């Protein structure tokens, strides 16, 4: 069955032919383990820390590499906290909500299966601001874990005895059936607590979500909001809703539509078996999280589709770029294949001068940062960026900062 409707579908489909390997997670107990808060060495593109042995080596402890975190770092004995009581390693709290949903609950199958175990859970924290930690606290609360039962390790600590449950997601195509245990428990509890009916067809939009450094990252997502409203969908802006309400809406839905990213992760983890999930692609550049997400929906019993939904005037990256939503040839192809009726005028859209100027303004604001510009990995775009920057801000950029 055709599920990918993008210009680069051949490359995506080739990757998706990989077989998914399932496994049963286990637990391992260690003594005298060093828990090191993660530190970043940007100049070397490294993150150091994690659970380590006495030689500050991570490889002997059961844990997955966190992005490019490959090893520990040395700590003076005087700077170490010693914990004598036995604990359980809960994993890594991610500051980014979408990754938290995918990765931070990976070891918590053990909590679901051992709800009365008195040992404290300990976590390490992976980037993000203080407000982002609230997401992790809310998830733990919904899982039934009181805040007194877990701790985020902020100082290098030696644990005399620590139980380490295996992760249920080792790689994009090595997944345990127990991965979704925490999500299932949370959804079941919320639906039981609030049994009132929820909409069966929902669209979660980012149109009103504002990133810290700029305006909303999408322009004209309202096009898709209106398209789906006319077909009986209710549109929600999740940042305006309590987390409990968001989960209830997804768990009760038969069809869930959103842009690809955090909202797609959210849907995949909490939708019921057999539900339909439509993911609208916003950036053309392929990246690892795309494959992780698509392998997860492939693993789940979901009727899923991945559809190109933007025509971006200039290249942009998924995490932090700017996107122009409008009808695409791929969207039309999807509608035709699924025999979803539409009027001819519904698939016609002419961008206004104001929309194009707003896109350019945001694109310049984002990529005038040399570090972010390098994400594009297209140095030949610098002359265009330079010209647009002068047009919209009156400033000239230093080529040495962008091209060296």
Foldseek 3Di string as FASTA:
>chain_A
DDFEQDPPVVVLVVVVVDAFAADDWDKDKDFFKKFFAWDDDVVVREIAGGIAHPVFAPVVDFDAADVRHGTHDDDDPVQEAEDEDEAEEQEEQELDQLVCLQFSRQQCLVCVVCVPDQHAYEYHYDDHDPVSVVSVVVLCVLLVHDPVRYYYDPTIYTYRMYMYIHGQDRDLRYGYPSRLVSLVSSQVVLCVVPVDAEEQAEEEEQQQPQDPQGGRQEDPPVLVVVVVVVVVYYYDHPVVDPPSVVLNNLCRYQEYEYEPDSVLSSNLSRHDAAGEYEYEYFADDDDRVVSSSVSSSVVGNYNYHYFHFFDQPDHFDDPQHHGYGAADPSNVVVCVVVVPDDDPVSRDDDDDPVRVLVNLVRRLSRCLQQVRVCVRVCLVCVVVSQVSCCVNPVDGHDVVSNPD
